[in-house]
Amino acid sequence: MNDIIVKRNGIECKAKEGEFILNIARRNDIFIPALCYLSNCSPTLACRLCLVEIDGKRAYSCNAKAKDGMKVITDSEEIEKERRAIMEIYDINHPLECGVCDQSGECELQNYTAEMEVDSQHYCIPDTNRPTKNWNFIHYDSSLCIVCERCVTVCKDMIGEAALKTVKRGGVALDKEWKEKTPKDAYAMWNKLQKSIIGT
């Protein structure tokens, strides 16, 4: 692969042609949030938080490949607004158990919620019953799951097994009025969370 230059918010970054924008950002200590992407795994486009603008068009940095001279904007007012809305969607029916949760203080969902200053909620919908499950050595609490699909990707890419997948969960359909009130990517994320859960 050839060495190329990618401009991020006007600053030049060296990269390899075809390298994912998110990996370039991480290597250069540029913050782009991403809950679903793990280095050395294939992108899933599951969380939509890594939204950026490339040459004037929206793209997801985990899946967008670098080309010489491309211009990337990572933190415009519009992008920040969309990311915050997505975080609100993640937090809608996520139990407020941080005080007693073993992951408190080491939780990316908690960190991103604070980073994006989500301190109020503009969206609401009745929750669906999501029981816990035990799969041999795995205890799965679906009420805490945000369907980031990391577990699915690790099984597929690192273990070589398609043991886990997203399955239908029978959530309440979103009222059509929310489509007009909710930013595009946040609405798509919300639909996914209502329809999907991790299963075997």
N, C-alpha and C. Protein backbone atom coordinates (compact mmCIF):
# COMPACT_ATOMS: atom_id res chain seq x y z
N MET A 1 0.84 -1.20 0.00
CA MET A 1 0.00 0.00 0.00
C MET A 1 0.88 1.25 0.00
N ASN A 2 0.45 2.25 -0.71
CA ASN A 2 1.21 3.49 -0.83
C ASN A 2 0.95 4.41 0.36
N ASP A 3 1.98 5.19 0.74
CA ASP A 3 1.80 6.21 1.76
C ASP A 3 1.02 7.37 1.16
N ILE A 4 0.07 7.89 1.92
CA ILE A 4 -0.76 9.00 1.45
C ILE A 4 -0.93 10.02 2.57
N ILE A 5 -1.54 11.14 2.24
CA ILE A 5 -1.85 12.18 3.22
C ILE A 5 -3.36 12.35 3.31
N VAL A 6 -3.88 12.30 4.53
CA VAL A 6 -5.30 12.55 4.78
C VAL A 6 -5.39 13.80 5.65
N LYS A 7 -6.24 14.74 5.27
CA LYS A 7 -6.40 15.95 6.07
C LYS A 7 -7.57 15.80 7.02
N ARG A 8 -7.29 15.95 8.30
CA ARG A 8 -8.33 15.85 9.33
C ARG A 8 -8.50 17.22 9.98
N ASN A 9 -9.67 17.82 9.79
CA ASN A 9 -9.94 19.16 10.32
C ASN A 9 -8.80 20.13 9.94
N GLY A 10 -8.27 19.98 8.72
CA GLY A 10 -7.21 20.85 8.24
C GLY A 10 -5.81 20.42 8.61
N ILE A 11 -5.65 19.39 9.44
CA ILE A 11 -4.33 18.91 9.86
C ILE A 11 -3.99 17.66 9.06
N GLU A 12 -2.77 17.60 8.53
CA GLU A 12 -2.37 16.47 7.71
C GLU A 12 -1.94 15.27 8.55
N CYS A 13 -2.40 14.09 8.17
CA CYS A 13 -2.02 12.83 8.84
C CYS A 13 -1.50 11.87 7.77
N LYS A 14 -0.37 11.23 8.05
CA LYS A 14 0.15 10.22 7.13
C LYS A 14 -0.63 8.93 7.33
N ALA A 15 -0.87 8.24 6.22
CA ALA A 15 -1.64 6.99 6.30
C ALA A 15 -1.24 6.08 5.15
N LYS A 16 -1.76 4.87 5.19
CA LYS A 16 -1.61 3.93 4.08
C LYS A 16 -2.90 3.95 3.28
N GLU A 17 -2.81 3.96 1.97
CA GLU A 17 -4.00 3.95 1.14
C GLU A 17 -4.83 2.70 1.45
N GLY A 18 -6.13 2.89 1.67
CA GLY A 18 -7.02 1.78 1.99
C GLY A 18 -7.17 1.53 3.47
N GLU A 19 -6.39 2.21 4.31
CA GLU A 19 -6.50 2.06 5.77
C GLU A 19 -7.79 2.71 6.25
N PHE A 20 -8.42 2.11 7.26
CA PHE A 20 -9.65 2.67 7.80
C PHE A 20 -9.37 3.99 8.51
N ILE A 21 -10.25 4.97 8.29
CA ILE A 21 -10.09 6.30 8.89
C ILE A 21 -10.03 6.22 10.41
N LEU A 22 -10.83 5.36 11.02
CA LEU A 22 -10.83 5.24 12.48
C LEU A 22 -9.47 4.79 13.00
N ASN A 23 -8.82 3.86 12.30
CA ASN A 23 -7.49 3.41 12.72
C ASN A 23 -6.45 4.52 12.59
N ILE A 24 -6.57 5.33 11.54
CA ILE A 24 -5.66 6.48 11.38
C ILE A 24 -5.85 7.44 12.54
N ALA A 25 -7.10 7.70 12.88
CA ALA A 25 -7.40 8.62 14.00
C ALA A 25 -6.82 8.09 15.30
N ARG A 26 -7.02 6.82 15.58
CA ARG A 26 -6.51 6.24 16.83
C ARG A 26 -4.99 6.31 16.90
N ARG A 27 -4.34 6.05 15.79
CA ARG A 27 -2.87 6.09 15.75
C ARG A 27 -2.34 7.51 15.98
N ASN A 28 -3.13 8.51 15.62
CA ASN A 28 -2.70 9.91 15.78
C ASN A 28 -3.35 10.59 16.99
N ASP A 29 -3.87 9.79 17.92
CA ASP A 29 -4.50 10.31 19.14
C ASP A 29 -5.63 11.29 18.86
N ILE A 30 -6.42 11.00 17.82
CA ILE A 30 -7.59 11.80 17.47
C ILE A 30 -8.81 11.03 17.95
N PHE A 31 -9.64 11.66 18.77
CA PHE A 31 -10.78 10.97 19.36
C PHE A 31 -11.96 10.92 18.40
N ILE A 32 -12.36 9.70 18.06
CA ILE A 32 -13.62 9.44 17.37
C ILE A 32 -14.28 8.32 18.15
N PRO A 33 -15.47 8.55 18.71
CA PRO A 33 -16.11 7.50 19.51
C PRO A 33 -16.51 6.30 18.66
N ALA A 34 -16.42 5.12 19.23
CA ALA A 34 -16.85 3.90 18.55
C ALA A 34 -17.05 2.81 19.59
N LEU A 35 -18.26 2.33 19.72
CA LEU A 35 -18.56 1.26 20.68
C LEU A 35 -18.46 -0.12 20.05
N CYS A 36 -18.64 -0.21 18.75
CA CYS A 36 -18.71 -1.53 18.13
C CYS A 36 -17.39 -2.00 17.54
N TYR A 37 -16.47 -1.09 17.22
CA TYR A 37 -15.27 -1.46 16.48
C TYR A 37 -14.12 -1.87 17.38
N LEU A 38 -13.51 -3.00 17.06
CA LEU A 38 -12.31 -3.47 17.73
C LEU A 38 -11.19 -3.56 16.70
N SER A 39 -10.00 -3.10 17.07
CA SER A 39 -8.86 -3.22 16.17
C SER A 39 -8.64 -4.69 15.82
N ASN A 40 -8.22 -4.92 14.61
CA ASN A 40 -7.96 -6.27 14.08
C ASN A 40 -9.22 -7.09 13.83
N CYS A 41 -10.37 -6.44 13.90
CA CYS A 41 -11.63 -7.10 13.56
C CYS A 41 -12.28 -6.34 12.40
N SER A 42 -13.19 -7.00 11.72
CA SER A 42 -13.90 -6.34 10.62
C SER A 42 -14.91 -5.34 11.18
N PRO A 43 -15.16 -4.25 10.45
CA PRO A 43 -16.16 -3.26 10.92
C PRO A 43 -17.57 -3.83 10.83
N THR A 44 -18.41 -3.46 11.78
CA THR A 44 -19.79 -3.94 11.78
C THR A 44 -20.79 -2.83 11.49
N LEU A 45 -20.39 -1.57 11.64
CA LEU A 45 -21.28 -0.42 11.48
C LEU A 45 -22.47 -0.51 12.43
N ALA A 46 -22.27 -1.13 13.58
CA ALA A 46 -23.38 -1.38 14.49
C ALA A 46 -23.75 -0.17 15.35
N CYS A 47 -22.76 0.64 15.77
CA CYS A 47 -23.09 1.70 16.74
C CYS A 47 -23.31 3.06 16.11
N ARG A 48 -22.74 3.32 14.94
CA ARG A 48 -22.91 4.57 14.20
C ARG A 48 -22.29 5.80 14.87
N LEU A 49 -21.61 5.61 16.00
CA LEU A 49 -21.02 6.75 16.70
C LEU A 49 -19.79 7.32 15.99
N CYS A 50 -19.15 6.53 15.14
CA CYS A 50 -17.92 6.99 14.50
C CYS A 50 -18.21 7.82 13.25
N LEU A 51 -19.39 8.37 13.19
CA LEU A 51 -19.82 9.22 12.09
C LEU A 51 -18.84 10.38 11.88
N VAL A 52 -18.44 10.59 10.63
CA VAL A 52 -17.58 11.71 10.26
C VAL A 52 -18.08 12.28 8.92
N GLU A 53 -17.45 13.35 8.49
CA GLU A 53 -17.75 13.90 7.17
C GLU A 53 -16.50 13.77 6.32
N ILE A 54 -16.62 13.13 5.16
CA ILE A 54 -15.48 12.94 4.27
C ILE A 54 -15.79 13.60 2.93
N ASP A 55 -14.98 14.59 2.59
CA ASP A 55 -15.18 15.34 1.35
C ASP A 55 -16.63 15.79 1.18
N GLY A 56 -17.21 16.27 2.29
CA GLY A 56 -18.56 16.84 2.25
C GLY A 56 -19.69 15.84 2.40
N LYS A 57 -19.37 14.54 2.54
CA LYS A 57 -20.43 13.53 2.69
C LYS A 57 -20.26 12.75 3.99
N ARG A 58 -21.38 12.36 4.58
CA ARG A 58 -21.34 11.56 5.81
C ARG A 58 -20.81 10.16 5.54
N ALA A 59 -20.02 9.66 6.48
CA ALA A 59 -19.49 8.30 6.38
C ALA A 59 -19.19 7.79 7.78
N TYR A 60 -18.95 6.51 7.91
CA TYR A 60 -18.58 5.91 9.19
C TYR A 60 -17.09 5.58 9.13
N SER A 61 -16.33 6.15 10.05
CA SER A 61 -14.88 6.07 9.97
C SER A 61 -14.34 4.66 10.15
N CYS A 62 -15.10 3.76 10.77
CA CYS A 62 -14.63 2.38 10.96
C CYS A 62 -14.62 1.63 9.64
N ASN A 63 -15.40 2.12 8.66
CA ASN A 63 -15.58 1.41 7.39
C ASN A 63 -15.07 2.20 6.18
N ALA A 64 -14.74 3.48 6.41
CA ALA A 64 -14.29 4.35 5.31
C ALA A 64 -12.79 4.20 5.13
N LYS A 65 -12.37 3.95 3.89
CA LYS A 65 -10.95 3.73 3.59
C LYS A 65 -10.29 5.01 3.08
N ALA A 66 -9.06 5.21 3.52
CA ALA A 66 -8.32 6.42 3.19
C ALA A 66 -7.92 6.48 1.73
N LYS A 67 -8.04 7.68 1.16
CA LYS A 67 -7.55 7.96 -0.19
C LYS A 67 -6.72 9.24 -0.10
N ASP A 68 -5.75 9.33 -0.93
CA ASP A 68 -4.84 10.47 -0.88
C ASP A 68 -5.59 11.78 -1.05
N GLY A 69 -5.33 12.73 -0.14
CA GLY A 69 -5.90 14.06 -0.23
C GLY A 69 -7.31 14.20 0.29
N MET A 70 -7.92 13.10 0.76
CA MET A 70 -9.29 13.22 1.26
C MET A 70 -9.33 14.11 2.49
N LYS A 71 -10.43 14.84 2.65
CA LYS A 71 -10.60 15.76 3.77
C LYS A 71 -11.65 15.20 4.72
N VAL A 72 -11.25 15.01 5.98
CA VAL A 72 -12.12 14.40 6.99
C VAL A 72 -12.42 15.42 8.09
N ILE A 73 -13.68 15.59 8.40
CA ILE A 73 -14.10 16.43 9.52
C ILE A 73 -14.68 15.50 10.58
N THR A 74 -14.12 15.55 11.78
CA THR A 74 -14.53 14.61 12.83
C THR A 74 -15.41 15.20 13.91
N ASP A 75 -15.50 16.51 13.98
CA ASP A 75 -16.24 17.08 15.12
C ASP A 75 -16.98 18.38 14.80
N SER A 76 -17.78 18.36 13.75
CA SER A 76 -18.61 19.53 13.45
C SER A 76 -19.81 19.57 14.40
N GLU A 77 -20.48 20.70 14.42
CA GLU A 77 -21.66 20.86 15.28
C GLU A 77 -22.73 19.82 14.92
N GLU A 78 -22.92 19.56 13.63
CA GLU A 78 -23.93 18.60 13.18
C GLU A 78 -23.57 17.17 13.61
N ILE A 79 -22.29 16.82 13.47
CA ILE A 79 -21.83 15.49 13.87
C ILE A 79 -22.00 15.30 15.38
N GLU A 80 -21.60 16.30 16.16
CA GLU A 80 -21.73 16.22 17.62
C GLU A 80 -23.19 16.05 18.04
N LYS A 81 -24.08 16.76 17.37
CA LYS A 81 -25.51 16.66 17.68
C LYS A 81 -26.02 15.25 17.41
N GLU A 82 -25.61 14.67 16.28
CA GLU A 82 -26.04 13.31 15.92
C GLU A 82 -25.50 12.29 16.91
N ARG A 83 -24.23 12.41 17.26
CA ARG A 83 -23.62 11.46 18.22
C ARG A 83 -24.31 11.54 19.57
N ARG A 84 -24.62 12.75 20.00
CA ARG A 84 -25.30 12.89 21.30
C ARG A 84 -26.67 12.23 21.26
N ALA A 85 -27.39 12.40 20.16
CA ALA A 85 -28.71 11.78 20.01
C ALA A 85 -28.59 10.25 20.04
N ILE A 86 -27.56 9.71 19.40
CA ILE A 86 -27.33 8.26 19.42
C ILE A 86 -27.09 7.80 20.85
N MET A 87 -26.29 8.55 21.61
CA MET A 87 -26.03 8.17 23.01
C MET A 87 -27.30 8.22 23.84
N GLU A 88 -28.16 9.18 23.58
CA GLU A 88 -29.44 9.22 24.29
C GLU A 88 -30.26 7.97 23.99
N ILE A 89 -30.23 7.52 22.74
CA ILE A 89 -30.95 6.30 22.36
C ILE A 89 -30.40 5.12 23.14
N TYR A 90 -29.06 5.01 23.20
CA TYR A 90 -28.45 3.92 23.97
C TYR A 90 -28.89 3.94 25.44
N ASP A 91 -29.08 5.14 25.96
CA ASP A 91 -29.39 5.29 27.39
C ASP A 91 -30.88 5.23 27.71
N ILE A 92 -31.75 5.13 26.69
CA ILE A 92 -33.20 5.19 26.93
C ILE A 92 -33.65 4.22 28.02
N ASN A 93 -33.46 2.94 27.77
CA ASN A 93 -33.94 1.93 28.72
C ASN A 93 -32.79 1.15 29.36
N HIS A 94 -31.58 1.70 29.28
CA HIS A 94 -30.47 1.04 29.95
C HIS A 94 -30.61 1.28 31.45
N PRO A 95 -30.64 0.22 32.25
CA PRO A 95 -30.87 0.40 33.69
C PRO A 95 -29.84 1.32 34.34
N LEU A 96 -30.31 2.19 35.21
CA LEU A 96 -29.41 3.10 35.92
C LEU A 96 -28.83 2.38 37.14
N GLU A 97 -27.93 1.44 36.86
CA GLU A 97 -27.35 0.61 37.91
C GLU A 97 -25.87 0.88 38.10
N CYS A 98 -25.39 2.04 37.61
CA CYS A 98 -23.95 2.31 37.65
C CYS A 98 -23.38 2.21 39.06
N GLY A 99 -24.14 2.62 40.04
CA GLY A 99 -23.65 2.60 41.42
C GLY A 99 -23.34 1.21 41.95
N VAL A 100 -24.02 0.22 41.43
CA VAL A 100 -23.80 -1.16 41.91
C VAL A 100 -23.26 -2.08 40.81
N CYS A 101 -22.97 -1.52 39.64
CA CYS A 101 -22.48 -2.32 38.52
C CYS A 101 -20.98 -2.56 38.65
N ASP A 102 -20.55 -3.79 38.40
CA ASP A 102 -19.12 -4.13 38.48
C ASP A 102 -18.28 -3.34 37.49
N GLN A 103 -18.89 -2.91 36.38
CA GLN A 103 -18.14 -2.21 35.33
C GLN A 103 -18.08 -0.70 35.55
N SER A 104 -18.78 -0.18 36.58
CA SER A 104 -18.80 1.26 36.81
C SER A 104 -17.38 1.80 36.96
N GLY A 105 -17.08 2.85 36.21
CA GLY A 105 -15.74 3.42 36.21
C GLY A 105 -14.86 2.84 35.13
N GLU A 106 -15.26 1.70 34.58
CA GLU A 106 -14.52 1.05 33.49
C GLU A 106 -15.45 0.71 32.34
N CYS A 107 -16.47 1.53 32.14
CA CYS A 107 -17.53 1.24 31.17
C CYS A 107 -17.51 2.29 30.05
N GLU A 108 -17.36 1.84 28.82
CA GLU A 108 -17.32 2.77 27.70
C GLU A 108 -18.65 3.48 27.51
N LEU A 109 -19.76 2.78 27.73
CA LEU A 109 -21.07 3.42 27.61
C LEU A 109 -21.18 4.57 28.60
N GLN A 110 -20.76 4.33 29.83
CA GLN A 110 -20.77 5.36 30.87
C GLN A 110 -19.83 6.51 30.49
N ASN A 111 -18.64 6.17 29.99
CA ASN A 111 -17.67 7.20 29.60
C ASN A 111 -18.18 8.07 28.46
N TYR A 112 -18.75 7.44 27.43
CA TYR A 112 -19.25 8.20 26.29
C TYR A 112 -20.46 9.04 26.67
N THR A 113 -21.29 8.52 27.55
CA THR A 113 -22.43 9.30 28.03
C THR A 113 -21.96 10.59 28.69
N ALA A 114 -20.90 10.48 29.50
CA ALA A 114 -20.33 11.66 30.15
C ALA A 114 -19.61 12.55 29.14
N GLU A 115 -18.84 11.95 28.24
CA GLU A 115 -18.08 12.69 27.23
C GLU A 115 -18.99 13.55 26.36
N MET A 116 -20.16 13.00 26.02
CA MET A 116 -21.08 13.72 25.14
C MET A 116 -22.12 14.53 25.93
N GLU A 117 -21.90 14.59 27.25
CA GLU A 117 -22.72 15.40 28.15
C GLU A 117 -24.21 15.08 28.04
N VAL A 118 -24.52 13.79 28.00
CA VAL A 118 -25.92 13.36 27.99
C VAL A 118 -26.41 13.38 29.43
N ASP A 119 -27.13 14.43 29.77
CA ASP A 119 -27.63 14.58 31.14
C ASP A 119 -29.14 14.79 31.16
N SER A 120 -29.77 14.57 30.00
CA SER A 120 -31.22 14.64 29.90
C SER A 120 -31.67 13.66 28.83
N GLN A 121 -32.96 13.41 28.75
CA GLN A 121 -33.48 12.41 27.82
C GLN A 121 -34.65 13.01 27.03
N HIS A 122 -34.52 13.00 25.70
CA HIS A 122 -35.56 13.55 24.83
C HIS A 122 -36.45 12.48 24.21
N TYR A 123 -36.10 11.21 24.43
CA TYR A 123 -36.82 10.11 23.78
C TYR A 123 -37.35 9.13 24.83
N CYS A 124 -38.45 8.47 24.51
CA CYS A 124 -38.98 7.48 25.44
C CYS A 124 -39.85 6.47 24.68
N ILE A 125 -39.87 5.25 25.21
CA ILE A 125 -40.69 4.19 24.64
C ILE A 125 -40.78 3.09 25.69
N PRO A 126 -41.90 2.38 25.78
CA PRO A 126 -41.97 1.28 26.75
C PRO A 126 -40.90 0.24 26.46
N ASP A 127 -40.30 -0.28 27.51
CA ASP A 127 -39.25 -1.30 27.34
C ASP A 127 -39.87 -2.66 27.11
N THR A 128 -39.08 -3.56 26.56
CA THR A 128 -39.49 -4.93 26.32
C THR A 128 -38.80 -5.82 27.34
N ASN A 129 -39.49 -6.85 27.80
CA ASN A 129 -38.86 -7.78 28.73
C ASN A 129 -37.66 -8.44 28.07
N ARG A 130 -36.51 -8.35 28.74
CA ARG A 130 -35.29 -8.94 28.20
C ARG A 130 -34.64 -9.79 29.29
N PRO A 131 -34.97 -11.07 29.34
CA PRO A 131 -34.47 -11.94 30.41
C PRO A 131 -32.99 -12.28 30.25
N THR A 132 -32.37 -12.67 31.36
CA THR A 132 -30.98 -13.13 31.33
C THR A 132 -30.93 -14.55 30.78
N LYS A 133 -29.77 -14.91 30.23
CA LYS A 133 -29.58 -16.25 29.68
C LYS A 133 -28.21 -16.77 30.08
N ASN A 134 -28.10 -18.06 30.18
CA ASN A 134 -26.81 -18.69 30.46
C ASN A 134 -26.45 -19.61 29.30
N TRP A 135 -25.32 -19.30 28.67
CA TRP A 135 -24.81 -20.12 27.56
C TRP A 135 -23.49 -20.71 28.01
N ASN A 136 -23.54 -21.86 28.63
CA ASN A 136 -22.35 -22.52 29.15
C ASN A 136 -21.57 -21.57 30.07
N PHE A 137 -20.44 -21.02 29.59
CA PHE A 137 -19.60 -20.16 30.43
C PHE A 137 -20.00 -18.69 30.36
N ILE A 138 -20.98 -18.36 29.54
CA ILE A 138 -21.38 -16.97 29.36
C ILE A 138 -22.71 -16.70 30.04
N HIS A 139 -22.72 -15.69 30.91
CA HIS A 139 -23.97 -15.20 31.51
C HIS A 139 -24.34 -13.93 30.75
N TYR A 140 -25.45 -13.96 30.04
CA TYR A 140 -25.85 -12.84 29.18
C TYR A 140 -27.06 -12.14 29.77
N ASP A 141 -26.88 -10.87 30.15
CA ASP A 141 -27.97 -10.05 30.67
C ASP A 141 -28.43 -9.12 29.56
N SER A 142 -29.51 -9.50 28.90
CA SER A 142 -29.97 -8.73 27.74
C SER A 142 -30.50 -7.36 28.11
N SER A 143 -30.84 -7.14 29.39
CA SER A 143 -31.31 -5.81 29.79
C SER A 143 -30.16 -4.80 29.80
N LEU A 144 -28.93 -5.29 29.89
CA LEU A 144 -27.75 -4.41 29.88
C LEU A 144 -27.11 -4.33 28.49
N CYS A 145 -27.52 -5.21 27.59
CA CYS A 145 -26.90 -5.29 26.26
C CYS A 145 -27.35 -4.12 25.38
N ILE A 146 -26.38 -3.48 24.72
CA ILE A 146 -26.69 -2.38 23.80
C ILE A 146 -26.53 -2.84 22.34
N VAL A 147 -26.38 -4.12 22.12
CA VAL A 147 -26.28 -4.72 20.79
C VAL A 147 -25.17 -4.03 19.97
N CYS A 148 -24.02 -3.85 20.61
CA CYS A 148 -22.87 -3.27 19.89
C CYS A 148 -22.25 -4.30 18.94
N GLU A 149 -22.56 -5.57 19.16
CA GLU A 149 -22.13 -6.69 18.32
C GLU A 149 -20.64 -7.01 18.41
N ARG A 150 -19.96 -6.49 19.43
CA ARG A 150 -18.55 -6.85 19.62
C ARG A 150 -18.39 -8.36 19.82
N CYS A 151 -19.26 -8.93 20.62
CA CYS A 151 -19.17 -10.37 20.90
C CYS A 151 -19.35 -11.19 19.62
N VAL A 152 -20.26 -10.73 18.76
CA VAL A 152 -20.51 -11.41 17.48
C VAL A 152 -19.25 -11.34 16.61
N THR A 153 -18.63 -10.15 16.55
CA THR A 153 -17.45 -9.94 15.72
C THR A 153 -16.26 -10.74 16.23
N VAL A 154 -16.06 -10.77 17.54
CA VAL A 154 -14.94 -11.53 18.11
C VAL A 154 -15.10 -13.01 17.81
N CYS A 155 -16.32 -13.53 17.98
CA CYS A 155 -16.57 -14.94 17.66
C CYS A 155 -16.23 -15.23 16.20
N LYS A 156 -16.66 -14.35 15.32
CA LYS A 156 -16.48 -14.57 13.87
C LYS A 156 -15.03 -14.38 13.44
N ASP A 157 -14.42 -13.25 13.85
CA ASP A 157 -13.10 -12.88 13.32
C ASP A 157 -11.93 -13.47 14.09
N MET A 158 -12.06 -13.65 15.41
CA MET A 158 -10.92 -14.09 16.20
C MET A 158 -11.00 -15.57 16.59
N ILE A 159 -12.22 -16.07 16.77
CA ILE A 159 -12.38 -17.47 17.15
C ILE A 159 -12.70 -18.33 15.92
N GLY A 160 -13.33 -17.71 14.94
CA GLY A 160 -13.66 -18.44 13.72
C GLY A 160 -14.95 -19.21 13.81
N GLU A 161 -15.82 -18.78 14.71
CA GLU A 161 -17.11 -19.45 14.91
C GLU A 161 -18.25 -18.44 14.81
N ALA A 162 -19.33 -18.82 14.20
CA ALA A 162 -20.52 -17.97 14.14
C ALA A 162 -21.49 -18.39 15.24
N ALA A 163 -20.97 -18.47 16.47
CA ALA A 163 -21.76 -18.96 17.60
C ALA A 163 -22.81 -17.96 18.06
N LEU A 164 -22.51 -16.68 17.92
CA LEU A 164 -23.44 -15.63 18.34
C LEU A 164 -23.89 -14.82 17.13
N LYS A 165 -25.09 -14.28 17.22
CA LYS A 165 -25.63 -13.46 16.13
C LYS A 165 -26.72 -12.56 16.69
N THR A 166 -27.16 -11.60 15.89
CA THR A 166 -28.31 -10.79 16.31
C THR A 166 -29.58 -11.55 15.92
N VAL A 167 -30.54 -11.54 16.83
CA VAL A 167 -31.83 -12.21 16.59
C VAL A 167 -32.95 -11.24 16.93
N LYS A 168 -34.15 -11.53 16.48
CA LYS A 168 -35.30 -10.68 16.76
C LYS A 168 -35.63 -10.72 18.25
N ARG A 169 -36.00 -9.56 18.80
CA ARG A 169 -36.36 -9.54 20.22
C ARG A 169 -37.81 -9.12 20.47
N GLY A 170 -38.54 -8.74 19.42
CA GLY A 170 -39.94 -8.43 19.59
C GLY A 170 -40.23 -7.13 20.32
N GLY A 171 -39.38 -6.13 20.11
CA GLY A 171 -39.60 -4.85 20.76
C GLY A 171 -40.79 -4.09 20.19
N VAL A 172 -41.28 -3.14 20.94
CA VAL A 172 -42.39 -2.31 20.50
C VAL A 172 -41.96 -1.49 19.29
N ALA A 173 -42.80 -1.43 18.26
CA ALA A 173 -42.48 -0.64 17.07
C ALA A 173 -42.45 0.84 17.42
N LEU A 174 -41.54 1.57 16.82
CA LEU A 174 -41.45 3.00 17.07
C LEU A 174 -42.63 3.73 16.43
N ASP A 175 -43.19 4.67 17.18
CA ASP A 175 -44.24 5.52 16.62
C ASP A 175 -43.64 6.35 15.49
N LYS A 176 -44.35 6.52 14.40
CA LYS A 176 -43.82 7.23 13.24
C LYS A 176 -43.45 8.67 13.53
N GLU A 177 -44.05 9.26 14.56
CA GLU A 177 -43.74 10.65 14.89
C GLU A 177 -42.28 10.82 15.31
N TRP A 178 -41.67 9.73 15.85
CA TRP A 178 -40.27 9.82 16.27
C TRP A 178 -39.34 10.00 15.08
N LYS A 179 -39.73 9.53 13.91
CA LYS A 179 -38.88 9.66 12.73
C LYS A 179 -38.63 11.12 12.38
N GLU A 180 -39.64 11.96 12.60
CA GLU A 180 -39.51 13.38 12.30
C GLU A 180 -38.74 14.12 13.39
N LYS A 181 -38.79 13.60 14.62
CA LYS A 181 -38.17 14.28 15.76
C LYS A 181 -36.73 13.86 16.01
N THR A 182 -36.31 12.75 15.41
CA THR A 182 -35.03 12.14 15.74
C THR A 182 -34.05 12.24 14.58
N PRO A 183 -32.80 12.63 14.84
CA PRO A 183 -31.80 12.64 13.77
C PRO A 183 -31.71 11.27 13.08
N LYS A 184 -31.36 11.29 11.80
CA LYS A 184 -31.41 10.10 10.94
C LYS A 184 -30.69 8.88 11.52
N ASP A 185 -29.42 9.03 11.89
CA ASP A 185 -28.65 7.88 12.38
C ASP A 185 -29.15 7.41 13.75
N ALA A 186 -29.57 8.34 14.58
CA ALA A 186 -30.10 7.97 15.89
C ALA A 186 -31.40 7.18 15.74
N TYR A 187 -32.23 7.58 14.79
CA TYR A 187 -33.49 6.86 14.55
C TYR A 187 -33.21 5.45 14.05
N ALA A 188 -32.26 5.31 13.14
CA ALA A 188 -31.90 3.98 12.62
C ALA A 188 -31.36 3.09 13.75
N MET A 189 -30.55 3.69 14.62
CA MET A 189 -30.00 2.95 15.76
C MET A 189 -31.12 2.49 16.69
N TRP A 190 -32.08 3.35 16.93
CA TRP A 190 -33.20 3.05 17.81
C TRP A 190 -34.03 1.89 17.25
N ASN A 191 -34.29 1.93 15.95
CA ASN A 191 -35.02 0.84 15.29
C ASN A 191 -34.30 -0.48 15.50
N LYS A 192 -32.98 -0.47 15.35
CA LYS A 192 -32.19 -1.68 15.51
C LYS A 192 -32.30 -2.22 16.94
N LEU A 193 -32.19 -1.32 17.91
CA LEU A 193 -32.26 -1.75 19.31
C LEU A 193 -33.63 -2.33 19.66
N GLN A 194 -34.67 -1.81 19.03
CA GLN A 194 -36.02 -2.33 19.29
C GLN A 194 -36.21 -3.71 18.67
N LYS A 195 -35.53 -3.97 17.58
CA LYS A 195 -35.75 -5.22 16.84
C LYS A 195 -34.76 -6.32 17.19
N SER A 196 -33.56 -5.96 17.68
CA SER A 196 -32.49 -6.95 17.79
C SER A 196 -32.01 -7.18 19.20
N ILE A 197 -31.45 -8.36 19.41
CA ILE A 197 -30.79 -8.76 20.65
C ILE A 197 -29.78 -9.83 20.24
N ILE A 198 -28.85 -10.14 21.11
CA ILE A 198 -27.84 -11.16 20.79
C ILE A 198 -28.41 -12.54 21.16
N GLY A 199 -28.19 -13.49 20.28
CA GLY A 199 -28.66 -14.86 20.52
C GLY A 199 -27.71 -15.88 19.94
N THR A 200 -28.07 -17.13 20.08
CA THR A 200 -27.22 -18.21 19.58
C THR A 200 -27.88 -18.91 18.41
